[in-house]
Amino acid sequence: TLLDPEPLTATLRRMITFEDIHGNVADPEVALRAC
């Protein structure tokens, strides 16, 4: 690589609760068919 994106890992974890994506897709009360 030319650049080092290692800090992005911690930033993603801070910004996004990834478990909620699947939870929202599976929840019929949430209007999310697919991500």
PDB file of all heavy atoms in Angstrom:
ATOM      1  N   THR A   1       0.835  -1.200   0.000  1.00  0.00           N
ATOM      2  CA  THR A   1       0.000   0.000   0.000  1.00  0.00           C
ATOM      3  C   THR A   1       0.867   1.246   0.000  1.00  0.00           C
ATOM      4  O   THR A   1       2.073   1.173   0.271  1.00  0.00           O
ATOM      5  CB  THR A   1      -0.910   0.005   1.254  1.00  0.00           C
ATOM      6  OG1 THR A   1      -1.762   1.146   1.226  1.00  0.00           O
ATOM      7  CG2 THR A   1      -0.073   0.053   2.527  1.00  0.00           C
ATOM      8  N   LEU A   2       0.264   2.399  -0.299  1.00  0.00           N
ATOM      9  CA  LEU A   2       0.950   3.676  -0.166  1.00  0.00           C
ATOM     10  C   LEU A   2       0.545   4.395   1.111  1.00  0.00           C
ATOM     11  O   LEU A   2       1.347   5.095   1.722  1.00  0.00           O
ATOM     12  CB  LEU A   2       0.645   4.569  -1.380  1.00  0.00           C
ATOM     13  CG  LEU A   2       1.254   4.131  -2.717  1.00  0.00           C
ATOM     14  CD1 LEU A   2       0.842   5.112  -3.810  1.00  0.00           C
ATOM     15  CD2 LEU A   2       2.774   4.038  -2.626  1.00  0.00           C
ATOM     16  N   LEU A   3      -0.717   4.234   1.508  1.00  0.00           N
ATOM     17  CA  LEU A   3      -1.230   4.889   2.708  1.00  0.00           C
ATOM     18  C   LEU A   3      -1.630   3.832   3.734  1.00  0.00           C
ATOM     19  O   LEU A   3      -1.909   2.684   3.379  1.00  0.00           O
ATOM     20  CB  LEU A   3      -2.433   5.779   2.364  1.00  0.00           C
ATOM     21  CG  LEU A   3      -2.170   6.891   1.345  1.00  0.00           C
ATOM     22  CD1 LEU A   3      -3.472   7.596   0.989  1.00  0.00           C
ATOM     23  CD2 LEU A   3      -1.153   7.888   1.882  1.00  0.00           C
ATOM     24  N   ASP A   4      -1.700   4.243   4.987  1.00  0.00           N
ATOM     25  CA  ASP A   4      -2.024   3.319   6.064  1.00  0.00           C
ATOM     26  C   ASP A   4      -3.377   3.688   6.683  1.00  0.00           C
ATOM     27  O   ASP A   4      -3.489   4.651   7.439  1.00  0.00           O
ATOM     28  CB  ASP A   4      -0.926   3.387   7.134  1.00  0.00           C
ATOM     29  CG  ASP A   4      -1.188   2.434   8.298  1.00  0.00           C
ATOM     30  OD1 ASP A   4      -2.187   1.683   8.245  1.00  0.00           O
ATOM     31  OD2 ASP A   4      -0.397   2.449   9.259  1.00  0.00           O
ATOM     32  N   PRO A   5      -4.446   2.910   6.349  1.00  0.00           N
ATOM     33  CA  PRO A   5      -5.781   3.236   6.869  1.00  0.00           C
ATOM     34  C   PRO A   5      -6.119   2.556   8.191  1.00  0.00           C
ATOM     35  O   PRO A   5      -7.297   2.386   8.515  1.00  0.00           O
ATOM     36  CB  PRO A   5      -6.696   2.729   5.753  1.00  0.00           C
ATOM     37  CG  PRO A   5      -5.971   1.512   5.249  1.00  0.00           C
ATOM     38  CD  PRO A   5      -4.493   1.803   5.376  1.00  0.00           C
ATOM     39  N   GLU A   6      -5.135   2.182   8.961  1.00  0.00           N
ATOM     40  CA  GLU A   6      -5.385   1.479  10.218  1.00  0.00           C
ATOM     41  C   GLU A   6      -6.351   2.229  11.144  1.00  0.00           C
ATOM     42  O   GLU A   6      -7.219   1.607  11.771  1.00  0.00           O
ATOM     43  CB  GLU A   6      -4.062   1.214  10.942  1.00  0.00           C
ATOM     44  CG  GLU A   6      -4.221   0.495  12.268  1.00  0.00           C
ATOM     45  CD  GLU A   6      -4.893  -0.867  12.129  1.00  0.00           C
ATOM     46  OE1 GLU A   6      -4.714  -1.509  11.072  1.00  0.00           O
ATOM     47  OE2 GLU A   6      -5.600  -1.282  13.064  1.00  0.00           O
ATOM     48  N   PRO A   7      -6.269   3.577  11.258  1.00  0.00           N
ATOM     49  CA  PRO A   7      -7.208   4.267  12.160  1.00  0.00           C
ATOM     50  C   PRO A   7      -8.668   4.123  11.763  1.00  0.00           C
ATOM     51  O   PRO A   7      -9.556   4.329  12.596  1.00  0.00           O
ATOM     52  CB  PRO A   7      -6.766   5.738  12.067  1.00  0.00           C
ATOM     53  CG  PRO A   7      -5.334   5.680  11.641  1.00  0.00           C
ATOM     54  CD  PRO A   7      -5.245   4.498  10.736  1.00  0.00           C
ATOM     55  N   LEU A   8      -8.934   3.782  10.506  1.00  0.00           N
ATOM     56  CA  LEU A   8     -10.319   3.662  10.052  1.00  0.00           C
ATOM     57  C   LEU A   8     -11.069   2.576  10.819  1.00  0.00           C
ATOM     58  O   LEU A   8     -12.280   2.690  11.028  1.00  0.00           O
ATOM     59  CB  LEU A   8     -10.347   3.367   8.547  1.00  0.00           C
ATOM     60  CG  LEU A   8     -11.721   3.207   7.905  1.00  0.00           C
ATOM     61  CD1 LEU A   8     -12.552   4.471   8.070  1.00  0.00           C
ATOM     62  CD2 LEU A   8     -11.578   2.844   6.426  1.00  0.00           C
ATOM     63  N   THR A   9     -10.362   1.547  11.251  1.00  0.00           N
ATOM     64  CA  THR A   9     -11.013   0.453  11.979  1.00  0.00           C
ATOM     65  C   THR A   9     -11.697   0.958  13.247  1.00  0.00           C
ATOM     66  O   THR A   9     -12.884   0.688  13.487  1.00  0.00           O
ATOM     67  CB  THR A   9      -9.981  -0.634  12.329  1.00  0.00           C
ATOM     68  OG1 THR A   9      -9.404  -1.146  11.128  1.00  0.00           O
ATOM     69  CG2 THR A   9     -10.636  -1.767  13.099  1.00  0.00           C
ATOM     70  N   ALA A  10     -10.956   1.717  14.045  1.00  0.00           N
ATOM     71  CA  ALA A  10     -11.539   2.249  15.285  1.00  0.00           C
ATOM     72  C   ALA A  10     -12.642   3.256  14.989  1.00  0.00           C
ATOM     73  O   ALA A  10     -13.645   3.323  15.719  1.00  0.00           O
ATOM     74  CB  ALA A  10     -10.446   2.899  16.132  1.00  0.00           C
ATOM     75  N   THR A  11     -12.480   4.032  13.936  1.00  0.00           N
ATOM     76  CA  THR A  11     -13.500   5.024  13.575  1.00  0.00           C
ATOM     77  C   THR A  11     -14.806   4.353  13.188  1.00  0.00           C
ATOM     78  O   THR A  11     -15.893   4.792  13.586  1.00  0.00           O
ATOM     79  CB  THR A  11     -12.984   5.913  12.433  1.00  0.00           C
ATOM     80  OG1 THR A  11     -11.797   6.586  12.861  1.00  0.00           O
ATOM     81  CG2 THR A  11     -14.028   6.938  12.019  1.00  0.00           C
ATOM     82  N   LEU A  12     -14.716   3.282  12.407  1.00  0.00           N
ATOM     83  CA  LEU A  12     -15.928   2.552  12.026  1.00  0.00           C
ATOM     84  C   LEU A  12     -16.643   1.997  13.247  1.00  0.00           C
ATOM     85  O   LEU A  12     -17.874   2.063  13.339  1.00  0.00           O
ATOM     86  CB  LEU A  12     -15.564   1.415  11.069  1.00  0.00           C
ATOM     87  CG  LEU A  12     -15.194   1.806   9.641  1.00  0.00           C
ATOM     88  CD1 LEU A  12     -14.704   0.586   8.865  1.00  0.00           C
ATOM     89  CD2 LEU A  12     -16.376   2.437   8.920  1.00  0.00           C
ATOM     90  N   ARG A  13     -15.878   1.459  14.173  1.00  0.00           N
ATOM     91  CA  ARG A  13     -16.495   0.898  15.377  1.00  0.00           C
ATOM     92  C   ARG A  13     -17.164   1.973  16.218  1.00  0.00           C
ATOM     93  O   ARG A  13     -18.173   1.717  16.881  1.00  0.00           O
ATOM     94  CB  ARG A  13     -15.433   0.163  16.199  1.00  0.00           C
ATOM     95  CG  ARG A  13     -14.917  -1.097  15.513  1.00  0.00           C
ATOM     96  CD  ARG A  13     -13.720  -1.689  16.238  1.00  0.00           C
ATOM     97  NE  ARG A  13     -13.235  -2.879  15.539  1.00  0.00           N
ATOM     98  CZ  ARG A  13     -12.088  -3.489  15.838  1.00  0.00           C
ATOM     99  NH1 ARG A  13     -11.313  -3.020  16.813  1.00  0.00           N
ATOM    100  NH2 ARG A  13     -11.716  -4.562  15.161  1.00  0.00           N
ATOM    101  N   ARG A  14     -16.607   3.173  16.181  1.00  0.00           N
ATOM    102  CA  ARG A  14     -17.201   4.278  16.936  1.00  0.00           C
ATOM    103  C   ARG A  14     -18.464   4.810  16.252  1.00  0.00           C
ATOM    104  O   ARG A  14     -19.433   5.180  16.918  1.00  0.00           O
ATOM    105  CB  ARG A  14     -16.179   5.409  17.082  1.00  0.00           C
ATOM    106  CG  ARG A  14     -16.661   6.553  17.977  1.00  0.00           C
ATOM    107  CD  ARG A  14     -15.603   7.622  18.138  1.00  0.00           C
ATOM    108  NE  ARG A  14     -15.414   8.421  16.934  1.00  0.00           N
ATOM    109  CZ  ARG A  14     -14.325   8.387  16.165  1.00  0.00           C
ATOM    110  NH1 ARG A  14     -13.311   7.583  16.485  1.00  0.00           N
ATOM    111  NH2 ARG A  14     -14.236   9.145  15.096  1.00  0.00           N
ATOM    112  N   MET A  15     -18.462   4.831  14.949  1.00  0.00           N
ATOM    113  CA  MET A  15     -19.570   5.410  14.185  1.00  0.00           C
ATOM    114  C   MET A  15     -20.750   4.463  14.021  1.00  0.00           C
ATOM    115  O   MET A  15     -21.907   4.898  13.969  1.00  0.00           O
ATOM    116  CB  MET A  15     -19.087   5.833  12.793  1.00  0.00           C
ATOM    117  CG  MET A  15     -18.146   7.009  12.747  1.00  0.00           C
ATOM    118  SD  MET A  15     -17.557   7.313  11.041  1.00  0.00           S
ATOM    119  CE  MET A  15     -19.110   7.479  10.144  1.00  0.00           C
ATOM    120  N   ILE A  16     -20.462   3.176  13.886  1.00  0.00           N
ATOM    121  CA  ILE A  16     -21.478   2.229  13.415  1.00  0.00           C
ATOM    122  C   ILE A  16     -21.566   1.028  14.339  1.00  0.00           C
ATOM    123  O   ILE A  16     -20.555   0.378  14.639  1.00  0.00           O
ATOM    124  CB  ILE A  16     -21.142   1.742  11.987  1.00  0.00           C
ATOM    125  CG1 ILE A  16     -21.054   2.922  11.018  1.00  0.00           C
ATOM    126  CG2 ILE A  16     -22.168   0.733  11.505  1.00  0.00           C
ATOM    127  CD1 ILE A  16     -20.316   2.617   9.742  1.00  0.00           C
ATOM    128  N   THR A  17     -22.772   0.710  14.782  1.00  0.00           N
ATOM    129  CA  THR A  17     -23.026  -0.536  15.501  1.00  0.00           C
ATOM    130  C   THR A  17     -23.478  -1.559  14.458  1.00  0.00           C
ATOM    131  O   THR A  17     -24.643  -1.584  14.045  1.00  0.00           O
ATOM    132  CB  THR A  17     -24.112  -0.341  16.571  1.00  0.00           C
ATOM    133  OG1 THR A  17     -23.730   0.734  17.447  1.00  0.00           O
ATOM    134  CG2 THR A  17     -24.313  -1.613  17.380  1.00  0.00           C
ATOM    135  N   PHE A  18     -22.554  -2.384  14.012  1.00  0.00           N
ATOM    136  CA  PHE A  18     -22.823  -3.246  12.859  1.00  0.00           C
ATOM    137  C   PHE A  18     -23.931  -4.254  13.131  1.00  0.00           C
ATOM    138  O   PHE A  18     -24.672  -4.632  12.217  1.00  0.00           O
ATOM    139  CB  PHE A  18     -21.533  -3.948  12.421  1.00  0.00           C
ATOM    140  CG  PHE A  18     -20.585  -3.047  11.681  1.00  0.00           C
ATOM    141  CD1 PHE A  18     -19.572  -2.382  12.347  1.00  0.00           C
ATOM    142  CD2 PHE A  18     -20.738  -2.842  10.320  1.00  0.00           C
ATOM    143  CE1 PHE A  18     -18.709  -1.542  11.667  1.00  0.00           C
ATOM    144  CE2 PHE A  18     -19.881  -2.000   9.628  1.00  0.00           C
ATOM    145  CZ  PHE A  18     -18.860  -1.345  10.303  1.00  0.00           C
ATOM    146  N   GLU A  19     -24.067  -4.685  14.380  1.00  0.00           N
ATOM    147  CA  GLU A  19     -25.143  -5.637  14.697  1.00  0.00           C
ATOM    148  C   GLU A  19     -26.515  -5.049  14.404  1.00  0.00           C
ATOM    149  O   GLU A  19     -27.464  -5.783  14.110  1.00  0.00           O
ATOM    150  CB  GLU A  19     -25.059  -6.051  16.169  1.00  0.00           C
ATOM    151  CG  GLU A  19     -23.814  -6.840  16.539  1.00  0.00           C
ATOM    152  CD  GLU A  19     -22.596  -5.951  16.792  1.00  0.00           C
ATOM    153  OE1 GLU A  19     -22.732  -4.714  16.673  1.00  0.00           O
ATOM    154  OE2 GLU A  19     -21.521  -6.495  17.109  1.00  0.00           O
ATOM    155  N   ASP A  20     -26.626  -3.725  14.467  1.00  0.00           N
ATOM    156  CA  ASP A  20     -27.919  -3.085  14.231  1.00  0.00           C
ATOM    157  C   ASP A  20     -28.353  -3.176  12.774  1.00  0.00           C
ATOM    158  O   ASP A  20     -29.548  -3.070  12.472  1.00  0.00           O
ATOM    159  CB  ASP A  20     -27.868  -1.617  14.661  1.00  0.00           C
ATOM    160  CG  ASP A  20     -27.832  -1.454  16.170  1.00  0.00           C
ATOM    161  OD1 ASP A  20     -28.069  -2.454  16.875  1.00  0.00           O
ATOM    162  OD2 ASP A  20     -27.561  -0.331  16.648  1.00  0.00           O
ATOM    163  N   ILE A  21     -27.397  -3.337  11.856  1.00  0.00           N
ATOM    164  CA  ILE A  21     -27.777  -3.479  10.443  1.00  0.00           C
ATOM    165  C   ILE A  21     -28.633  -4.727  10.268  1.00  0.00           C
ATOM    166  O   ILE A  21     -29.739  -4.675   9.707  1.00  0.00           O
ATOM    167  CB  ILE A  21     -26.529  -3.540   9.540  1.00  0.00           C
ATOM    168  CG1 ILE A  21     -25.732  -2.242   9.629  1.00  0.00           C
ATOM    169  CG2 ILE A  21     -26.944  -3.829   8.088  1.00  0.00           C
ATOM    170  CD1 ILE A  21     -24.433  -2.253   8.840  1.00  0.00           C
ATOM    171  N   HIS A  22     -28.126  -5.851  10.752  1.00  0.00           N
ATOM    172  CA  HIS A  22     -28.897  -7.098  10.629  1.00  0.00           C
ATOM    173  C   HIS A  22     -30.196  -7.014  11.422  1.00  0.00           C
ATOM    174  O   HIS A  22     -31.249  -7.472  10.960  1.00  0.00           O
ATOM    175  CB  HIS A  22     -28.072  -8.289  11.116  1.00  0.00           C
ATOM    176  CG  HIS A  22     -28.798  -9.584  11.021  1.00  0.00           C
ATOM    177  ND1 HIS A  22     -29.098 -10.197   9.819  1.00  0.00           N
ATOM    178  CD2 HIS A  22     -29.323 -10.397  11.997  1.00  0.00           C
ATOM    179  CE1 HIS A  22     -29.756 -11.314  10.049  1.00  0.00           C
ATOM    180  NE2 HIS A  22     -29.919 -11.462  11.356  1.00  0.00           N
ATOM    181  N   GLY A  23     -30.131  -6.405  12.604  1.00  0.00           N
ATOM    182  CA  GLY A  23     -31.336  -6.264  13.405  1.00  0.00           C
ATOM    183  C   GLY A  23     -32.405  -5.462  12.695  1.00  0.00           C
ATOM    184  O   GLY A  23     -33.597  -5.809  12.740  1.00  0.00           O
ATOM    185  N   ASN A  24     -32.016  -4.408  12.006  1.00  0.00           N
ATOM    186  CA  ASN A  24     -32.980  -3.578  11.286  1.00  0.00           C
ATOM    187  C   ASN A  24     -33.553  -4.295  10.070  1.00  0.00           C
ATOM    188  O   ASN A  24     -34.742  -4.168   9.760  1.00  0.00           O
ATOM    189  CB  ASN A  24     -32.325  -2.264  10.858  1.00  0.00           C
ATOM    190  CG  ASN A  24     -32.103  -1.323  12.013  1.00  0.00           C
ATOM    191  OD1 ASN A  24     -32.806  -1.385  13.023  1.00  0.00           O
ATOM    192  ND2 ASN A  24     -31.122  -0.444  11.906  1.00  0.00           N
ATOM    193  N   VAL A  25     -32.700  -5.062   9.367  1.00  0.00           N
ATOM    194  CA  VAL A  25     -33.205  -5.826   8.219  1.00  0.00           C
ATOM    195  C   VAL A  25     -34.212  -6.875   8.679  1.00  0.00           C
ATOM    196  O   VAL A  25     -35.236  -7.107   8.021  1.00  0.00           O
ATOM    197  CB  VAL A  25     -32.033  -6.494   7.456  1.00  0.00           C
ATOM    198  CG1 VAL A  25     -32.572  -7.457   6.398  1.00  0.00           C
ATOM    199  CG2 VAL A  25     -31.147  -5.439   6.802  1.00  0.00           C
ATOM    200  N   ALA A  26     -33.937  -7.507   9.829  1.00  0.00           N
ATOM    201  CA  ALA A  26     -34.802  -8.584  10.313  1.00  0.00           C
ATOM    202  C   ALA A  26     -36.074  -8.074  10.990  1.00  0.00           C
ATOM    203  O   ALA A  26     -37.041  -8.832  11.123  1.00  0.00           O
ATOM    204  CB  ALA A  26     -34.019  -9.467  11.301  1.00  0.00           C
ATOM    205  N   ASP A  27     -36.097  -6.821  11.393  1.00  0.00           N
ATOM    206  CA  ASP A  27     -37.234  -6.277  12.136  1.00  0.00           C
ATOM    207  C   ASP A  27     -38.312  -5.787  11.177  1.00  0.00           C
ATOM    208  O   ASP A  27     -38.095  -4.846  10.418  1.00  0.00           O
ATOM    209  CB  ASP A  27     -36.758  -5.109  13.008  1.00  0.00           C
ATOM    210  CG  ASP A  27     -37.841  -4.614  13.964  1.00  0.00           C
ATOM    211  OD1 ASP A  27     -39.024  -4.966  13.773  1.00  0.00           O
ATOM    212  OD2 ASP A  27     -37.491  -3.861  14.898  1.00  0.00           O
ATOM    213  N   PRO A  28     -39.496  -6.405  11.169  1.00  0.00           N
ATOM    214  CA  PRO A  28     -40.557  -5.981  10.243  1.00  0.00           C
ATOM    215  C   PRO A  28     -41.062  -4.567  10.517  1.00  0.00           C
ATOM    216  O   PRO A  28     -41.710  -3.962   9.657  1.00  0.00           O
ATOM    217  CB  PRO A  28     -41.658  -7.020  10.458  1.00  0.00           C
ATOM    218  CG  PRO A  28     -41.396  -7.584  11.821  1.00  0.00           C
ATOM    219  CD  PRO A  28     -39.918  -7.536  12.004  1.00  0.00           C
ATOM    220  N   GLU A  29     -40.777  -4.043  11.712  1.00  0.00           N
ATOM    221  CA  GLU A  29     -41.211  -2.688  12.031  1.00  0.00           C
ATOM    222  C   GLU A  29     -40.285  -1.624  11.446  1.00  0.00           C
ATOM    223  O   GLU A  29     -40.606  -0.439  11.443  1.00  0.00           O
ATOM    224  CB  GLU A  29     -41.273  -2.511  13.558  1.00  0.00           C
ATOM    225  CG  GLU A  29     -42.256  -3.432  14.247  1.00  0.00           C
ATOM    226  CD  GLU A  29     -43.683  -3.176  13.766  1.00  0.00           C
ATOM    227  OE1 GLU A  29     -44.051  -1.990  13.610  1.00  0.00           O
ATOM    228  OE2 GLU A  29     -44.413  -4.160  13.550  1.00  0.00           O
ATOM    229  N   VAL A  30     -39.112  -2.033  10.981  1.00  0.00           N
ATOM    230  CA  VAL A  30     -38.150  -1.109  10.384  1.00  0.00           C
ATOM    231  C   VAL A  30     -38.216  -1.251   8.870  1.00  0.00           C
ATOM    232  O   VAL A  30     -38.152  -2.351   8.338  1.00  0.00           O
ATOM    233  CB  VAL A  30     -36.712  -1.395  10.876  1.00  0.00           C
ATOM    234  CG1 VAL A  30     -35.710  -0.465  10.195  1.00  0.00           C
ATOM    235  CG2 VAL A  30     -36.632  -1.237  12.393  1.00  0.00           C
ATOM    236  N   ALA A  31     -38.320  -0.138   8.178  1.00  0.00           N
ATOM    237  CA  ALA A  31     -38.448  -0.166   6.719  1.00  0.00           C
ATOM    238  C   ALA A  31     -37.077  -0.311   6.071  1.00  0.00           C
ATOM    239  O   ALA A  31     -36.536   0.621   5.468  1.00  0.00           O
ATOM    240  CB  ALA A  31     -39.139   1.100   6.230  1.00  0.00           C
ATOM    241  N   LEU A  32     -36.487  -1.506   6.201  1.00  0.00           N
ATOM    242  CA  LEU A  32     -35.205  -1.779   5.560  1.00  0.00           C
ATOM    243  C   LEU A  32     -35.242  -3.187   4.981  1.00  0.00           C
ATOM    244  O   LEU A  32     -35.194  -4.173   5.705  1.00  0.00           O
ATOM    245  CB  LEU A  32     -34.056  -1.645   6.562  1.00  0.00           C
ATOM    246  CG  LEU A  32     -32.643  -1.850   5.995  1.00  0.00           C
ATOM    247  CD1 LEU A  32     -32.309  -0.780   4.955  1.00  0.00           C
ATOM    248  CD2 LEU A  32     -31.598  -1.840   7.102  1.00  0.00           C
ATOM    249  N   ARG A  33     -35.352  -3.257   3.664  1.00  0.00           N
ATOM    250  CA  ARG A  33     -35.403  -4.567   3.013  1.00  0.00           C
ATOM    251  C   ARG A  33     -34.022  -5.192   2.895  1.00  0.00           C
ATOM    252  O   ARG A  33     -33.864  -6.405   3.042  1.00  0.00           O
ATOM    253  CB  ARG A  33     -35.981  -4.437   1.603  1.00  0.00           C
ATOM    254  CG  ARG A  33     -37.363  -3.864   1.514  1.00  0.00           C
ATOM    255  CD  ARG A  33     -37.879  -3.968   0.092  1.00  0.00           C
ATOM    256  NE  ARG A  33     -39.060  -3.143  -0.107  1.00  0.00           N
ATOM    257  CZ  ARG A  33     -39.981  -3.367  -1.032  1.00  0.00           C
ATOM    258  NH1 ARG A  33     -39.849  -4.382  -1.850  1.00  0.00           N
ATOM    259  NH2 ARG A  33     -41.019  -2.562  -1.157  1.00  0.00           N
ATOM    260  N   ALA A  34     -33.025  -4.379   2.555  1.00  0.00           N
ATOM    261  CA  ALA A  34     -31.697  -4.930   2.303  1.00  0.00           C
ATOM    262  C   ALA A  34     -30.645  -3.850   2.456  1.00  0.00           C
ATOM    263  O   ALA A  34     -30.880  -2.671   2.177  1.00  0.00           O
ATOM    264  CB  ALA A  34     -31.622  -5.531   0.901  1.00  0.00           C
ATOM    265  N   CYS A  35     -29.469  -4.286   2.915  1.00  0.00           N
ATOM    266  CA  CYS A  35     -28.270  -3.441   2.916  1.00  0.00           C
ATOM    267  C   CYS A  35     -27.172  -4.234   2.224  1.00  0.00           C
ATOM    268  O   CYS A  35     -27.005  -5.427   2.495  1.00  0.00           O
ATOM    269  CB  CYS A  35     -27.856  -3.092   4.343  1.00  0.00           C
ATOM    270  SG  CYS A  35     -26.258  -2.245   4.450  1.00  0.00           S
TER     271      CYS A  35
END
